[in-house]
Amino acid sequence: MPFSLGGGHTPRIIRLWPVGLVGRVSVVLLAAVILVFVASAFFYEEAETYIDDDSRITQLAEELSTDLRVLRTTPISQRGLLGALLSDNGISVSWRSANQPIDLDQPHRLRQVEESLIANDRDLGKADIRVWADRADSSSIHGSLQLADGSRLAFNVPGILKHRHMTGGLASAAITAGAVAIAAAMIVRSLSTPLRALAQVADSIAKSDDMQWTMVDERGPREVRGLAKAINKMQHRIRRLINDRTEILAAVSHDLRTPLARLRLRAGFMDDEETQTAIEADIDEMEAMVTGVLAYLAGDLDPEPVKQVDLVAILNTLLDSQSDRGRETSYTGPDRCQAMVRPLAIKRVFANLIDNACNYGGDAHVTLETDGRQAVIAVIDDGPGIPEAELEKVLSAFYRVEGSRSRATGGMGLGLAIVTREVGRAGGKVDLRNVPGRGLCVEITLPLGVAKA
């Protein structure tokens, strides 16, 4: 809450509510401590007015012992008047002669109270003390003491068994703790609201594929405002970088494919067939390289919508294409398997896996299993496999295992990287392992529901 000071000069603003997060948390803690201190001081002062059970029993024992000694030394004719004089607000005392018997056979006799009184003064036990209550739940007690001549001292103590100190103490502690907890929770929640908004925006940036991001409101403590401003600037820079990459990809795609097309056309007019074949092979390799790099770099910018497709139909089409080239292929699984995926992207995934299996293992064997919620597709070859130490690395972009998987076979190290990226966008996962007695097994798990948009 700001207010200003000053007359003719520029007013100086004094803020009672700190600007920084540290200051605000400090104020909350200080307020909580002050609240606890004030409440504790008040309730503890009130608690001192209550006397615990032991103190009240001890005080009663002292009063009864005193009254008993006084009546013993008082003439019989004056004992009735003296009993009334000995009564006060805490205890009512009366004297009963031997001709005025008291019913000592009470159903609610309080033997524990009797024992406590006797423990404080043994003379009370010698005087045949009896203590009882009107009801089992009564807080008041009645009792009597016998004098040497057979007369009795009757007494009545109201409310002595009422546990006021326990209920009062527990209630005060509960009220204090509850008030502090509620106040602290409300204030801390208000302080954390901007942080929760920042977390939601940051999470949306990480999950969004279409750059539909939300700018963060720059409000709250100074530190939170600074962080919100930095996140907004970061979103702007990321969006600008992605737009620049999109423009570069479009330019590269056009500028590289055009001269390759001219080279292929000119090679077709060459008379030397051997040279023509070599040039066309180089052009095919260059086109494959360009296509692979562009496909990988396009990545999350691919606007292809999610559609329902038959995974089995895509797999059989690709396997038939390899069979036409003389490769050994097989498929084991159901005849149909519908899934919500990006058709071209998932076809690129299966094509990369089947091409790799045929190129590096000589054949491709595909299995598909589904439980109605997800599909597990495994592509197995009979090649040399991949060293265990390389299984994680081959999923990285531009990483190639030396030896059988070399550039001579057309690999650039992008096939599995594209597979991993596209399967992740579909909400699935990729697992690589070597099959004993066979080759490499690439297993893909895809959800059959709607993929991430």
Protein backbone atom coordinates (compact mmCIF):
# COMPACT_ATOMS: atom_id res chain seq x y z
CA MET A 1 0.00 0.00 0.00
CA PRO A 2 1.85 3.16 -1.16
CA PHE A 3 1.36 6.66 0.24
CA SER A 4 3.25 9.90 -0.39
CA LEU A 5 5.00 12.46 1.76
CA GLY A 6 6.00 15.97 0.82
CA GLY A 7 4.67 19.49 0.41
CA GLY A 8 5.99 21.72 -2.34
CA HIS A 9 8.62 19.22 -3.45
CA THR A 10 8.06 16.11 -5.50
CA PRO A 11 6.18 13.64 -3.28
CA ARG A 12 8.18 10.68 -2.05
CA ILE A 13 6.30 7.38 -2.23
CA ILE A 14 6.69 5.01 0.70
CA ARG A 15 5.63 1.41 0.06
CA LEU A 16 4.44 -0.60 3.04
CA TRP A 17 4.19 -3.73 0.84
CA PRO A 18 7.69 -4.70 -0.41
CA VAL A 19 8.36 -4.84 -4.13
CA GLY A 20 10.69 -7.86 -4.07
CA LEU A 21 9.73 -11.47 -3.44
CA VAL A 22 12.20 -11.81 -0.57
CA GLY A 23 10.72 -8.77 1.13
CA ARG A 24 7.18 -10.03 0.77
CA VAL A 25 8.01 -13.46 2.17
CA SER A 26 9.83 -11.77 5.06
CA VAL A 27 6.76 -9.66 5.82
CA VAL A 28 4.57 -12.77 5.80
CA LEU A 29 6.86 -14.56 8.22
CA LEU A 30 7.13 -11.51 10.48
CA ALA A 31 3.35 -11.10 10.53
CA ALA A 32 2.91 -14.76 11.41
CA VAL A 33 5.41 -14.50 14.28
CA ILE A 34 3.71 -11.38 15.65
CA LEU A 35 0.28 -13.01 15.40
CA VAL A 36 1.47 -16.10 17.25
CA PHE A 37 3.16 -13.99 19.94
CA VAL A 38 0.10 -11.80 20.57
CA ALA A 39 -2.32 -14.72 20.55
CA SER A 40 -0.10 -16.81 22.82
CA ALA A 41 0.34 -13.97 25.30
CA PHE A 42 -3.43 -13.45 25.46
CA PHE A 43 -4.39 -17.10 25.81
CA TYR A 44 -1.60 -17.93 28.26
CA GLU A 45 -2.70 -15.03 30.45
CA GLU A 46 -6.23 -16.37 30.37
CA ALA A 47 -4.99 -19.89 31.06
CA GLU A 48 -3.40 -18.76 34.32
CA THR A 49 -6.90 -18.18 35.74
CA TYR A 50 -7.60 -21.93 35.52
CA ILE A 51 -6.41 -24.25 38.26
CA ASP A 52 -5.55 -27.79 37.48
CA ASP A 53 -7.12 -30.76 39.23
CA ASP A 54 -4.25 -31.51 41.60
CA SER A 55 -4.04 -27.93 42.85
CA ARG A 56 -7.78 -27.77 43.53
CA ILE A 57 -7.78 -31.11 45.37
CA THR A 58 -4.83 -29.97 47.48
CA GLN A 59 -6.56 -26.70 48.32
CA LEU A 60 -9.77 -28.55 49.22
CA ALA A 61 -7.86 -30.93 51.49
CA GLU A 62 -6.29 -27.99 53.32
CA GLU A 63 -9.65 -26.27 53.81
CA LEU A 64 -11.36 -29.44 55.04
CA SER A 65 -8.52 -30.18 57.46
CA THR A 66 -8.71 -26.64 58.84
CA ASP A 67 -12.48 -26.73 59.19
CA LEU A 68 -12.27 -30.13 60.91
CA ARG A 69 -9.81 -28.88 63.51
CA VAL A 70 -11.84 -25.74 64.14
CA LEU A 71 -15.06 -27.66 64.72
CA ARG A 72 -13.33 -30.12 67.03
CA THR A 73 -12.33 -27.29 69.38
CA THR A 74 -15.66 -25.49 69.14
CA PRO A 75 -18.46 -26.12 71.68
CA ILE A 76 -21.34 -28.16 70.29
CA SER A 77 -23.78 -25.27 70.72
CA GLN A 78 -21.78 -23.04 68.38
CA ARG A 79 -20.83 -25.57 65.70
CA GLY A 80 -23.93 -24.94 63.53
CA LEU A 81 -23.27 -21.20 63.37
CA LEU A 82 -19.55 -21.74 62.81
CA GLY A 83 -20.25 -24.08 59.87
CA ALA A 84 -22.15 -21.33 58.08
CA LEU A 85 -19.30 -18.90 58.78
CA LEU A 86 -16.73 -21.32 57.33
CA SER A 87 -18.63 -21.53 54.01
CA ASP A 88 -17.52 -19.41 51.04
CA ASN A 89 -17.98 -19.30 47.26
CA GLY A 90 -15.76 -22.33 46.72
CA ILE A 91 -17.12 -24.64 49.43
CA SER A 92 -20.31 -24.90 51.47
CA VAL A 93 -19.88 -26.33 55.00
CA SER A 94 -22.53 -27.43 57.53
CA TRP A 95 -22.48 -29.33 60.83
CA ARG A 96 -24.77 -32.27 61.50
CA SER A 97 -25.24 -33.63 65.01
CA ALA A 98 -25.28 -37.33 65.78
CA ASN A 99 -29.11 -37.16 65.80
CA GLN A 100 -29.08 -35.91 62.19
CA PRO A 101 -27.66 -38.85 60.25
CA ILE A 102 -26.36 -38.49 56.69
CA ASP A 103 -27.02 -41.15 54.05
CA LEU A 104 -23.50 -42.40 53.33
CA ASP A 105 -24.60 -45.23 51.04
CA GLN A 106 -24.39 -43.25 47.80
CA PRO A 107 -24.37 -44.91 44.33
CA HIS A 108 -21.83 -42.47 42.86
CA ARG A 109 -19.13 -42.59 45.48
CA LEU A 110 -15.84 -41.00 44.37
CA ARG A 111 -13.18 -43.21 45.94
CA GLN A 112 -10.40 -41.77 43.81
CA VAL A 113 -11.15 -38.27 45.11
CA GLU A 114 -11.21 -39.65 48.66
CA GLU A 115 -7.79 -41.22 48.18
CA SER A 116 -6.40 -37.98 46.78
CA LEU A 117 -7.68 -35.98 49.74
CA ILE A 118 -6.30 -38.52 52.23
CA ALA A 119 -2.94 -38.47 50.43
CA ASN A 120 -2.77 -34.71 51.08
CA ASP A 121 -3.83 -34.99 54.75
CA ARG A 122 -4.03 -38.32 56.63
CA ASP A 123 -6.30 -36.79 59.31
CA LEU A 124 -9.07 -36.80 56.73
CA GLY A 125 -8.79 -40.57 56.45
CA LYS A 126 -9.04 -40.93 60.23
CA ALA A 127 -12.22 -38.82 60.11
CA ASP A 128 -13.91 -41.40 57.83
CA ILE A 129 -14.15 -39.06 54.83
CA ARG A 130 -16.82 -39.87 52.30
CA VAL A 131 -17.12 -38.16 48.89
CA TRP A 132 -19.86 -38.70 46.27
CA ALA A 133 -21.62 -37.03 43.34
CA ASP A 134 -25.28 -36.71 42.45
CA ARG A 135 -24.66 -38.10 38.94
CA ALA A 136 -21.85 -39.92 37.21
CA ASP A 137 -21.17 -36.92 34.95
CA SER A 138 -21.52 -34.26 37.63
CA SER A 139 -18.64 -31.84 38.22
CA SER A 140 -19.82 -31.00 41.77
CA ILE A 141 -19.12 -33.19 44.79
CA HIS A 142 -20.66 -33.77 48.21
CA GLY A 143 -18.97 -35.23 51.27
CA SER A 144 -18.77 -35.59 55.02
CA LEU A 145 -16.23 -36.00 57.85
CA GLN A 146 -16.94 -37.64 61.22
CA LEU A 147 -15.97 -35.93 64.47
CA ALA A 148 -15.07 -37.76 67.66
CA ASP A 149 -18.54 -37.32 69.20
CA GLY A 150 -20.29 -38.95 66.22
CA SER A 151 -21.42 -35.71 64.62
CA ARG A 152 -20.40 -35.01 61.03
CA LEU A 153 -19.11 -32.12 58.97
CA ALA A 154 -20.96 -32.01 55.65
CA PHE A 155 -19.52 -30.13 52.67
CA ASN A 156 -20.48 -29.33 49.09
CA VAL A 157 -17.97 -28.18 46.43
CA PRO A 158 -19.54 -27.08 43.11
CA GLY A 159 -17.67 -27.48 39.79
CA ILE A 160 -14.44 -28.86 41.25
CA LEU A 161 -14.25 -31.72 38.74
CA LYS A 162 -14.76 -29.52 35.69
CA HIS A 163 -11.66 -29.73 33.41
CA ARG A 164 -11.65 -26.12 32.37
CA HIS A 165 -7.91 -25.89 31.93
CA MET A 166 -7.84 -28.73 29.36
CA THR A 167 -10.66 -27.52 27.11
CA GLY A 168 -9.55 -23.92 27.32
CA GLY A 169 -5.93 -24.72 26.49
CA LEU A 170 -6.77 -26.98 23.57
CA ALA A 171 -9.27 -24.51 22.17
CA SER A 172 -6.80 -21.63 22.37
CA ALA A 173 -4.05 -23.66 20.68
CA ALA A 174 -6.42 -24.78 17.93
CA ILE A 175 -7.70 -21.27 17.28
CA THR A 176 -4.18 -19.84 17.13
CA ALA A 177 -2.83 -22.56 14.86
CA GLY A 178 -5.83 -22.40 12.56
CA ALA A 179 -5.73 -18.62 12.23
CA VAL A 180 -2.00 -18.61 11.44
CA ALA A 181 -2.32 -21.48 8.96
CA ILE A 182 -5.23 -19.92 7.08
CA ALA A 183 -3.64 -16.47 6.92
CA ALA A 184 -0.27 -17.82 5.79
CA ALA A 185 -1.86 -20.11 3.18
CA MET A 186 -3.89 -17.27 1.67
CA ILE A 187 -0.97 -14.88 1.47
CA VAL A 188 1.51 -17.43 0.14
CA ARG A 189 -1.03 -18.54 -2.47
CA SER A 190 -1.42 -14.98 -3.68
CA LEU A 191 2.35 -14.65 -3.87
CA SER A 192 2.74 -17.88 -5.85
CA THR A 193 0.04 -17.12 -8.43
CA PRO A 194 2.45 -15.35 -10.84
CA LEU A 195 4.93 -18.21 -10.48
CA ARG A 196 2.27 -20.77 -11.38
CA ALA A 197 1.39 -18.72 -14.45
CA LEU A 198 5.06 -18.70 -15.46
CA ALA A 199 5.27 -22.46 -15.05
CA GLN A 200 2.19 -23.00 -17.23
CA VAL A 201 3.55 -20.79 -19.99
CA ALA A 202 6.97 -22.44 -19.87
CA ASP A 203 5.30 -25.86 -20.07
CA SER A 204 3.22 -24.76 -23.06
CA ILE A 205 6.38 -23.60 -24.83
CA ALA A 206 7.96 -27.01 -24.33
CA LYS A 207 4.90 -28.94 -25.57
CA SER A 208 3.58 -26.73 -28.36
CA ASP A 209 4.44 -27.66 -31.93
CA ASP A 210 2.65 -24.78 -33.66
CA MET A 211 4.08 -21.81 -31.74
CA GLN A 212 0.66 -20.94 -30.30
CA TRP A 213 2.23 -19.50 -27.19
CA THR A 214 0.80 -17.14 -24.60
CA MET A 215 2.59 -14.02 -23.44
CA VAL A 216 3.09 -13.85 -19.69
CA ASP A 217 1.51 -11.01 -17.72
CA GLU A 218 4.35 -8.96 -16.28
CA ARG A 219 2.95 -8.48 -12.79
CA GLY A 220 3.78 -9.51 -9.24
CA PRO A 221 7.01 -8.99 -7.27
CA ARG A 222 10.03 -7.47 -8.96
CA GLU A 223 11.79 -10.82 -9.46
CA VAL A 224 8.68 -12.42 -10.98
CA ARG A 225 8.14 -9.45 -13.30
CA GLY A 226 11.74 -9.73 -14.45
CA LEU A 227 11.37 -13.44 -15.10
CA ALA A 228 8.11 -12.92 -17.01
CA LYS A 229 9.75 -10.26 -19.15
CA ALA A 230 12.67 -12.60 -19.91
CA ILE A 231 10.31 -15.43 -20.90
CA ASN A 232 8.37 -13.13 -23.22
CA LYS A 233 11.62 -12.03 -24.87
CA MET A 234 12.68 -15.67 -25.17
CA GLN A 235 9.39 -16.56 -26.89
CA HIS A 236 9.90 -13.70 -29.34
CA ARG A 237 13.46 -14.81 -30.12
CA ILE A 238 12.45 -18.47 -30.53
CA ARG A 239 9.58 -17.53 -32.83
CA ARG A 240 11.92 -15.34 -34.90
CA LEU A 241 14.55 -18.09 -35.13
CA ILE A 242 11.97 -20.67 -36.21
CA ASN A 243 10.56 -18.32 -38.83
CA ASP A 244 14.07 -17.66 -40.14
CA ARG A 245 14.73 -21.40 -40.31
CA THR A 246 11.49 -21.91 -42.22
CA GLU A 247 12.52 -19.34 -44.81
CA ILE A 248 15.99 -20.85 -45.10
CA LEU A 249 14.55 -24.34 -45.60
CA ALA A 250 12.25 -23.12 -48.33
CA ALA A 251 15.15 -21.39 -50.08
CA VAL A 252 17.50 -24.37 -49.72
CA SER A 253 14.86 -26.79 -50.94
CA HIS A 254 14.34 -24.74 -54.10
CA ASP A 255 17.95 -23.70 -54.73
CA LEU A 256 19.42 -27.20 -54.32
CA ARG A 257 16.81 -29.18 -56.19
CA THR A 258 16.90 -26.93 -59.24
CA PRO A 259 20.60 -27.49 -60.16
CA LEU A 260 20.25 -31.20 -59.39
CA ALA A 261 17.38 -31.41 -61.85
CA ARG A 262 19.51 -29.64 -64.49
CA LEU A 263 22.40 -32.04 -63.87
CA ARG A 264 20.13 -35.05 -64.24
CA LEU A 265 18.74 -33.64 -67.48
CA ARG A 266 22.21 -32.98 -68.93
CA ALA A 267 23.45 -36.41 -67.87
CA GLY A 268 20.65 -37.94 -69.92
CA PHE A 269 22.18 -36.56 -73.13
CA MET A 270 25.62 -38.06 -72.51
CA ASP A 271 26.85 -40.75 -74.93
CA ASP A 272 29.11 -42.49 -72.41
CA GLU A 273 26.71 -44.81 -70.57
CA GLU A 274 29.22 -45.70 -67.84
CA THR A 275 29.87 -42.05 -67.04
CA GLN A 276 26.16 -41.29 -67.27
CA THR A 277 25.35 -44.06 -64.79
CA ALA A 278 28.02 -42.81 -62.36
CA ILE A 279 26.78 -39.22 -62.54
CA GLU A 280 23.16 -40.24 -62.05
CA ALA A 281 24.17 -42.34 -59.03
CA ASP A 282 25.93 -39.30 -57.54
CA ILE A 283 22.85 -37.17 -58.24
CA ASP A 284 20.62 -39.77 -56.55
CA GLU A 285 22.89 -39.74 -53.51
CA MET A 286 22.87 -35.94 -53.39
CA GLU A 287 19.07 -35.87 -53.67
CA ALA A 288 18.80 -38.44 -50.89
CA MET A 289 21.10 -36.34 -48.73
CA VAL A 290 19.15 -33.14 -49.41
CA THR A 291 15.81 -34.88 -48.83
CA GLY A 292 17.03 -36.38 -45.54
CA VAL A 293 18.43 -33.11 -44.21
CA LEU A 294 15.32 -31.14 -45.18
CA ALA A 295 13.04 -33.78 -43.66
CA TYR A 296 14.98 -33.65 -40.41
CA LEU A 297 15.22 -29.87 -40.25
CA ALA A 298 11.54 -29.39 -41.12
CA GLY A 299 10.67 -31.43 -38.04
CA ASP A 300 8.23 -29.62 -35.78
CA LEU A 301 7.33 -27.16 -38.54
CA ASP A 302 5.50 -29.86 -40.45
CA PRO A 303 1.85 -28.68 -40.61
CA GLU A 304 0.49 -32.15 -41.49
CA PRO A 305 -2.76 -32.78 -39.58
CA VAL A 306 -3.53 -35.92 -37.59
CA LYS A 307 -5.75 -38.43 -39.40
CA GLN A 308 -7.00 -41.96 -38.92
CA VAL A 309 -4.95 -44.41 -40.99
CA ASP A 310 -4.40 -48.14 -41.24
CA LEU A 311 -0.89 -48.94 -40.02
CA VAL A 312 -1.00 -52.43 -41.53
CA ALA A 313 -1.73 -51.05 -45.01
CA ILE A 314 1.26 -48.68 -44.80
CA LEU A 315 3.57 -51.47 -43.65
CA ASN A 316 2.45 -53.90 -46.35
CA THR A 317 2.87 -51.25 -49.05
CA LEU A 318 6.46 -50.58 -48.00
CA LEU A 319 7.26 -54.28 -47.62
CA ASP A 320 5.85 -55.06 -51.06
CA SER A 321 8.03 -52.31 -52.54
CA GLN A 322 11.12 -53.95 -51.04
CA SER A 323 9.97 -57.39 -52.22
CA ASP A 324 9.76 -56.05 -55.78
CA ARG A 325 13.44 -55.17 -55.48
CA GLY A 326 14.31 -58.73 -54.57
CA ARG A 327 14.51 -58.25 -50.78
CA GLU A 328 13.13 -60.85 -48.39
CA THR A 329 10.32 -59.40 -46.28
CA SER A 330 7.56 -60.69 -44.05
CA TYR A 331 4.72 -59.37 -41.92
CA THR A 332 3.12 -60.97 -38.88
CA GLY A 333 0.13 -59.39 -37.18
CA PRO A 334 -3.53 -58.42 -37.59
CA ASP A 335 -5.02 -57.50 -40.97
CA ARG A 336 -6.01 -54.01 -39.82
CA CYS A 337 -4.88 -51.56 -37.14
CA GLN A 338 -6.42 -48.09 -37.13
CA ALA A 339 -4.51 -45.25 -35.44
CA MET A 340 -4.70 -41.46 -35.25
CA VAL A 341 -1.32 -40.27 -36.59
CA ARG A 342 0.23 -37.97 -39.17
CA PRO A 343 0.08 -40.21 -42.28
CA LEU A 344 3.15 -38.94 -44.16
CA ALA A 345 5.25 -38.69 -41.02
CA ILE A 346 4.45 -42.22 -39.84
CA LYS A 347 5.02 -43.56 -43.38
CA ARG A 348 8.45 -41.87 -43.33
CA VAL A 349 9.16 -43.59 -40.01
CA PHE A 350 8.25 -47.06 -41.30
CA ALA A 351 10.09 -46.44 -44.59
CA ASN A 352 13.29 -45.48 -42.79
CA LEU A 353 13.16 -48.57 -40.56
CA ILE A 354 12.38 -51.00 -43.39
CA ASP A 355 15.00 -49.42 -45.69
CA ASN A 356 17.60 -49.67 -42.94
CA ALA A 357 16.71 -53.32 -42.29
CA CYS A 358 17.01 -54.18 -46.00
CA ASN A 359 20.13 -52.11 -46.64
CA TYR A 360 22.11 -53.18 -43.56
CA GLY A 361 20.56 -56.57 -42.74
CA GLY A 362 19.53 -57.86 -46.15
CA ASP A 363 15.90 -58.44 -45.18
CA ALA A 364 13.07 -56.98 -43.11
CA HIS A 365 10.65 -58.87 -40.87
CA VAL A 366 7.85 -56.81 -39.30
CA THR A 367 5.54 -57.79 -36.45
CA LEU A 368 2.60 -55.81 -35.07
CA GLU A 369 0.76 -56.40 -31.80
CA THR A 370 -2.04 -54.32 -30.30
CA ASP A 371 -4.15 -54.34 -27.15
CA GLY A 372 -6.71 -51.81 -28.41
CA ARG A 373 -4.98 -48.85 -26.76
CA GLN A 374 -1.53 -48.98 -28.34
CA ALA A 375 0.33 -50.78 -31.09
CA VAL A 376 3.82 -52.29 -30.83
CA ILE A 377 5.60 -52.52 -34.18
CA ALA A 378 8.92 -54.39 -34.38
CA VAL A 379 11.23 -54.31 -37.42
CA ILE A 380 13.88 -57.08 -37.30
CA ASP A 381 16.70 -57.81 -39.73
CA ASP A 382 19.32 -60.57 -40.03
CA GLY A 383 22.29 -58.25 -40.21
CA PRO A 384 25.27 -57.79 -37.87
CA GLY A 385 23.29 -55.58 -35.45
CA ILE A 386 24.71 -52.60 -33.60
CA PRO A 387 27.24 -52.70 -30.74
CA GLU A 388 25.53 -52.30 -27.38
CA ALA A 389 27.54 -49.14 -26.66
CA GLU A 390 26.17 -47.54 -29.84
CA LEU A 391 22.45 -48.28 -29.38
CA GLU A 392 21.69 -44.94 -27.71
CA LYS A 393 24.05 -42.91 -29.90
CA VAL A 394 22.52 -43.97 -33.23
CA LEU A 395 19.30 -42.16 -32.25
CA SER A 396 21.19 -38.84 -32.44
CA ALA A 397 21.24 -36.80 -35.64
CA PHE A 398 24.16 -37.27 -38.06
CA TYR A 399 25.63 -40.12 -36.03
CA ARG A 400 26.73 -43.14 -38.07
CA VAL A 401 28.15 -46.43 -36.89
CA GLU A 402 31.38 -47.04 -38.80
CA GLY A 403 31.72 -50.32 -40.72
CA SER A 404 28.68 -51.89 -42.27
CA ARG A 405 26.55 -48.76 -41.78
CA SER A 406 28.71 -46.39 -43.81
CA ARG A 407 28.05 -43.55 -46.22
CA ALA A 408 28.57 -45.99 -49.10
CA THR A 409 25.14 -47.46 -48.39
CA GLY A 410 23.53 -44.03 -48.51
CA GLY A 411 23.28 -43.42 -44.76
CA MET A 412 23.77 -39.97 -43.26
CA GLY A 413 22.83 -40.77 -39.69
CA LEU A 414 19.40 -39.10 -39.94
CA GLY A 415 17.09 -42.07 -40.40
CA LEU A 416 16.76 -43.12 -36.77
CA ALA A 417 16.87 -39.49 -35.60
CA ILE A 418 13.81 -38.75 -37.74
CA VAL A 419 12.14 -41.92 -36.45
CA THR A 420 12.72 -40.90 -32.84
CA ARG A 421 11.47 -37.37 -33.40
CA GLU A 422 8.28 -38.32 -35.29
CA VAL A 423 7.38 -41.16 -32.92
CA GLY A 424 7.81 -38.76 -30.00
CA ARG A 425 5.48 -36.26 -31.66
CA ALA A 426 2.90 -39.05 -31.97
CA GLY A 427 3.18 -39.76 -28.25
CA GLY A 428 5.12 -43.02 -28.65
CA LYS A 429 8.58 -44.33 -27.90
CA VAL A 430 11.42 -46.12 -29.71
CA ASP A 431 13.48 -49.00 -28.33
CA LEU A 432 16.55 -50.61 -29.96
CA ARG A 433 18.00 -54.00 -29.08
CA ASN A 434 20.00 -56.79 -30.65
CA VAL A 435 18.23 -60.14 -31.10
CA PRO A 436 20.47 -63.15 -30.39
CA GLY A 437 20.94 -65.22 -33.54
CA ARG A 438 19.52 -62.47 -35.74
CA GLY A 439 20.24 -58.76 -36.10
CA LEU A 440 18.85 -55.44 -34.92
CA CYS A 441 15.30 -55.06 -33.62
CA VAL A 442 13.72 -51.61 -33.63
CA GLU A 443 10.52 -51.59 -31.58
CA ILE A 444 8.04 -48.72 -31.78
CA THR A 445 5.16 -48.22 -29.35
CA LEU A 446 2.39 -45.97 -30.71
CA PRO A 447 -0.87 -44.94 -29.01
CA LEU A 448 -3.91 -45.65 -31.13
CA GLY A 449 -5.82 -42.61 -29.89
CA VAL A 450 -5.36 -38.96 -30.84
CA ALA A 451 -1.72 -37.97 -31.04
CA LYS A 452 -0.41 -34.68 -29.70
CA ALA A 453 -1.57 -31.80 -31.84
